[in-house]
Amino acid sequence: MKRVQAQAILGEMAASQHGLITSAQAAARGVDGVTLRRLRDARLLEPVGRGVYLISGAPAPTHLEIRIAWLRLDPARPAWERDGREEKDGVVSHRSACLLHQLGDIPAPNTELTVPGRLTTREPWVRLHRHDGPLPVDEITMVDGLPVTTVDRTVLDLLRDHADGGHAGGVIAEAERRGLLDLRALAHQLGQFGQRYAMAGVSGAELLSTLTAEAEQR
């Protein structure tokens, strides 16, 4: 395939993926490996991850590592066909979801994704949380082109994963300030996590109060 033709094909696709393209997507559209390598050597494509490229001249998108990890879960399918509800797809979750929702200051050293079934990754910086099938529709929202767990689901995931109490409390407090959480409804679901925070037997409301108080003391 001629370079100009390949550029046009990849550029059109990358325009809907924040400037990113995968080698599998390129191959599916007839751009062979030799042409892809020539585009890379000519610095018309910038490698940003295993099998993932940024089109030359496109600004680096926000949360690049998260986007790379998510694209690689199902690298041949275009981003616009993926909403996190398919058997081979995944959803940004846990601490990474906090980054997308811009909640709290919880450390997020890894990219965290919730995936159905037996999806795997070879990336040491990606942590997969397995779920029995895709997440329910009402627990997924789209943020900047990525499927992300809702704020409610994100908070529950953090507590289920025994995130630091002060950091989790900070996420909860900020979400409540921004009108993204109904604390009364959330409290009904928190009692199950008391033992994880050495507060066995407390009510959800009591745990919620303790976590937000820890956040204020930090």
Protein backbone atom coordinates (compact mmCIF):
# COMPACT_ATOMS: atom_id res chain seq x y z
CA MET A 1 0.00 0.00 0.00
CA LYS A 2 1.25 3.49 -0.83
CA ARG A 3 2.30 5.65 2.09
CA VAL A 4 -0.12 8.48 1.28
CA GLN A 5 -3.05 6.07 1.14
CA ALA A 6 -2.01 4.42 4.41
CA GLN A 7 -1.67 7.80 6.10
CA ALA A 8 -5.18 8.75 5.04
CA ILE A 9 -6.66 5.50 6.34
CA LEU A 10 -4.88 5.66 9.68
CA GLY A 11 -5.42 9.39 10.10
CA GLU A 12 -9.17 9.06 9.62
CA MET A 13 -9.38 6.31 12.22
CA ALA A 14 -7.07 7.99 14.72
CA ALA A 15 -9.14 11.16 14.55
CA SER A 16 -11.85 9.34 16.51
CA GLN A 17 -9.40 7.77 18.95
CA HIS A 18 -7.59 10.81 20.32
CA GLY A 19 -4.83 10.42 17.74
CA LEU A 20 -4.13 6.76 18.57
CA ILE A 21 -4.09 3.72 16.32
CA THR A 22 -3.19 0.08 16.98
CA SER A 23 -1.26 -2.21 14.66
CA ALA A 24 -4.20 -4.62 14.73
CA GLN A 25 -6.58 -1.88 13.59
CA ALA A 26 -4.15 -0.93 10.83
CA ALA A 27 -3.93 -4.53 9.64
CA ALA A 28 -7.72 -4.87 9.64
CA ARG A 29 -7.85 -1.93 7.21
CA GLY A 30 -5.24 -3.29 4.86
CA VAL A 31 -2.17 -1.43 6.15
CA ASP A 32 0.48 -4.15 6.28
CA GLY A 33 3.36 -4.38 8.72
CA VAL A 34 5.94 -3.18 6.21
CA THR A 35 3.99 0.01 5.47
CA LEU A 36 3.41 0.57 9.18
CA ARG A 37 7.13 0.24 9.84
CA ARG A 38 7.94 2.71 7.05
CA LEU A 39 5.52 5.24 8.52
CA ARG A 40 7.16 4.78 11.90
CA ASP A 41 10.66 5.13 10.46
CA ALA A 42 9.56 8.32 8.70
CA ARG A 43 8.33 9.59 12.09
CA LEU A 44 4.78 9.80 10.83
CA LEU A 45 3.79 7.40 13.61
CA GLU A 46 5.16 7.53 17.14
CA PRO A 47 5.22 4.26 19.11
CA VAL A 48 3.63 4.91 22.52
CA GLY A 49 2.96 1.36 23.66
CA ARG A 50 3.18 -2.24 22.51
CA GLY A 51 1.36 -2.17 19.17
CA VAL A 52 -0.06 1.32 19.76
CA TYR A 53 0.93 4.47 17.85
CA LEU A 54 0.24 8.18 18.01
CA ILE A 55 -0.27 9.92 14.68
CA SER A 56 2.46 12.51 14.05
CA GLY A 57 1.26 16.01 14.86
CA ALA A 58 -1.55 14.86 17.12
CA PRO A 59 -1.29 16.09 20.72
CA ALA A 60 -0.69 13.37 23.29
CA PRO A 61 -4.11 12.59 24.79
CA THR A 62 -4.86 12.82 28.47
CA HIS A 63 -4.43 9.62 30.52
CA LEU A 64 -2.33 8.07 27.76
CA GLU A 65 -1.33 4.95 29.70
CA ILE A 66 -4.94 4.19 30.55
CA ARG A 67 -5.97 4.57 26.90
CA ILE A 68 -3.14 2.30 25.74
CA ALA A 69 -4.04 -0.42 28.23
CA TRP A 70 -7.73 -0.23 27.32
CA LEU A 71 -7.11 -0.30 23.56
CA ARG A 72 -4.89 -3.37 23.96
CA LEU A 73 -7.67 -5.37 25.60
CA ASP A 74 -9.34 -5.71 22.19
CA PRO A 75 -6.83 -4.09 19.82
CA ALA A 76 -8.54 -4.78 16.50
CA ARG A 77 -11.88 -3.15 17.36
CA PRO A 78 -12.31 0.62 16.97
CA ALA A 79 -12.86 2.56 20.18
CA TRP A 80 -16.24 3.85 19.01
CA GLU A 81 -17.56 0.26 18.84
CA ARG A 82 -16.62 -0.44 22.46
CA ASP A 83 -18.70 0.61 25.44
CA GLY A 84 -17.38 -1.80 28.07
CA ARG A 85 -20.39 -4.10 27.80
CA GLU A 86 -19.00 -6.83 25.57
CA GLU A 87 -17.42 -10.14 26.56
CA LYS A 88 -13.97 -9.08 25.26
CA ASP A 89 -14.06 -5.53 26.56
CA GLY A 90 -13.13 -3.85 29.82
CA VAL A 91 -13.94 -0.78 31.91
CA VAL A 92 -11.61 1.72 33.59
CA SER A 93 -12.11 1.19 37.32
CA HIS A 94 -10.84 1.60 40.87
CA ARG A 95 -8.04 4.19 41.25
CA SER A 96 -7.84 4.78 37.51
CA ALA A 97 -11.55 5.63 37.51
CA CYS A 98 -10.84 8.24 40.19
CA LEU A 99 -8.36 9.86 37.80
CA LEU A 100 -10.94 9.98 35.01
CA HIS A 101 -13.63 11.34 37.34
CA GLN A 102 -11.06 13.73 38.84
CA LEU A 103 -11.90 12.66 42.38
CA GLY A 104 -9.58 12.83 45.39
CA ASP A 105 -5.82 12.44 45.46
CA ILE A 106 -5.64 8.67 45.77
CA PRO A 107 -2.33 7.26 44.44
CA ALA A 108 -2.77 5.34 41.18
CA PRO A 109 0.59 3.70 40.33
CA ASN A 110 -1.06 1.14 38.02
CA THR A 111 -3.72 1.28 35.35
CA GLU A 112 -6.73 -0.60 36.72
CA LEU A 113 -9.40 -2.15 34.52
CA THR A 114 -12.34 -4.38 35.34
CA VAL A 115 -12.70 -7.12 32.74
CA PRO A 116 -15.08 -10.02 32.14
CA GLY A 117 -13.96 -13.62 32.04
CA ARG A 118 -10.36 -14.52 31.34
CA LEU A 119 -8.96 -11.46 29.59
CA THR A 120 -5.25 -11.11 30.34
CA THR A 121 -2.44 -8.59 29.93
CA ARG A 122 1.33 -8.81 29.63
CA GLU A 123 1.86 -5.29 30.90
CA PRO A 124 3.29 -5.21 34.47
CA TRP A 125 1.80 -1.75 35.05
CA VAL A 126 -1.76 -2.91 34.30
CA ARG A 127 -3.89 -4.51 36.99
CA LEU A 128 -6.97 -6.41 35.89
CA HIS A 129 -9.94 -6.96 38.20
CA ARG A 130 -12.03 -9.90 37.02
CA HIS A 131 -15.81 -9.82 36.96
CA ASP A 132 -18.26 -12.57 36.12
CA GLY A 133 -19.34 -11.23 32.75
CA PRO A 134 -19.61 -7.56 31.70
CA LEU A 135 -20.56 -5.01 34.34
CA PRO A 136 -24.23 -3.99 34.54
CA VAL A 137 -25.15 -1.18 32.17
CA ASP A 138 -26.05 1.17 35.03
CA GLU A 139 -22.54 0.83 36.52
CA ILE A 140 -20.75 2.15 33.41
CA THR A 141 -20.48 5.71 32.15
CA MET A 142 -18.43 7.28 29.35
CA VAL A 143 -15.74 9.79 30.30
CA ASP A 144 -13.64 11.41 27.58
CA GLY A 145 -14.24 8.53 25.19
CA LEU A 146 -13.53 5.74 27.70
CA PRO A 147 -15.97 3.44 29.49
CA VAL A 148 -15.51 4.06 33.23
CA THR A 149 -17.22 2.73 36.33
CA THR A 150 -19.77 5.14 37.75
CA VAL A 151 -18.81 7.11 40.84
CA ASP A 152 -20.95 4.87 43.07
CA ARG A 153 -19.40 1.71 41.66
CA THR A 154 -15.91 3.23 41.89
CA VAL A 155 -16.31 3.94 45.61
CA LEU A 156 -17.55 0.42 46.29
CA ASP A 157 -14.64 -1.03 44.28
CA LEU A 158 -12.14 0.99 46.32
CA LEU A 159 -13.55 -0.28 49.60
CA ARG A 160 -13.80 -3.83 48.30
CA ASP A 161 -10.11 -3.57 47.38
CA HIS A 162 -9.32 -2.19 50.87
CA ALA A 163 -8.00 1.15 49.64
CA ASP A 164 -6.51 3.45 52.28
CA GLY A 165 -9.36 4.81 54.39
CA GLY A 166 -8.27 8.44 54.22
CA HIS A 167 -7.86 8.35 50.45
CA ALA A 168 -11.21 6.57 49.95
CA GLY A 169 -12.83 9.09 52.29
CA GLY A 170 -11.38 11.92 50.23
CA VAL A 171 -12.92 10.48 47.07
CA ILE A 172 -16.29 10.15 48.79
CA ALA A 173 -16.18 13.66 50.27
CA GLU A 174 -15.27 15.30 46.97
CA ALA A 175 -17.88 13.33 45.05
CA GLU A 176 -20.52 14.42 47.57
CA ARG A 177 -19.44 18.07 47.31
CA ARG A 178 -19.81 17.91 43.54
CA GLY A 179 -23.24 16.32 43.76
CA LEU A 180 -22.06 13.02 42.28
CA LEU A 181 -23.05 10.81 45.23
CA ASP A 182 -26.13 10.25 47.32
CA LEU A 183 -24.52 9.55 50.71
CA ARG A 184 -27.71 8.15 52.20
CA ALA A 185 -28.05 5.60 49.42
CA LEU A 186 -24.34 4.80 49.57
CA ALA A 187 -24.43 4.23 53.33
CA HIS A 188 -26.87 1.34 52.86
CA GLN A 189 -24.19 -0.52 50.90
CA LEU A 190 -21.17 0.17 53.12
CA GLY A 191 -21.93 -1.98 56.16
CA GLN A 192 -20.41 -5.01 54.42
CA PHE A 193 -16.99 -3.35 54.42
CA GLY A 194 -16.68 -2.54 58.13
CA GLN A 195 -14.53 -5.55 58.95
CA ARG A 196 -12.02 -4.59 56.25
CA TYR A 197 -11.41 -1.35 58.16
CA ALA A 198 -11.30 -2.95 61.64
CA MET A 199 -14.85 -1.76 62.32
CA ALA A 200 -16.79 -5.01 62.28
CA GLY A 201 -20.45 -4.59 63.13
CA VAL A 202 -20.68 -0.85 62.43
CA SER A 203 -23.39 0.54 60.22
CA GLY A 204 -22.69 1.87 56.75
CA ALA A 205 -23.37 5.39 57.96
CA GLU A 206 -20.80 5.01 60.76
CA LEU A 207 -18.16 3.70 58.37
CA LEU A 208 -18.91 6.52 55.96
CA SER A 209 -18.49 9.08 58.72
CA THR A 210 -15.19 7.52 59.82
CA LEU A 211 -13.75 7.48 56.31
CA THR A 212 -14.63 11.09 55.58
CA ALA A 213 -13.24 12.13 58.98
CA GLU A 214 -9.95 10.38 58.14
CA ALA A 215 -9.82 12.35 54.90
CA GLU A 216 -10.20 15.65 56.77
CA GLN A 217 -7.32 14.74 59.09
CA ARG A 218 -4.89 14.05 56.26
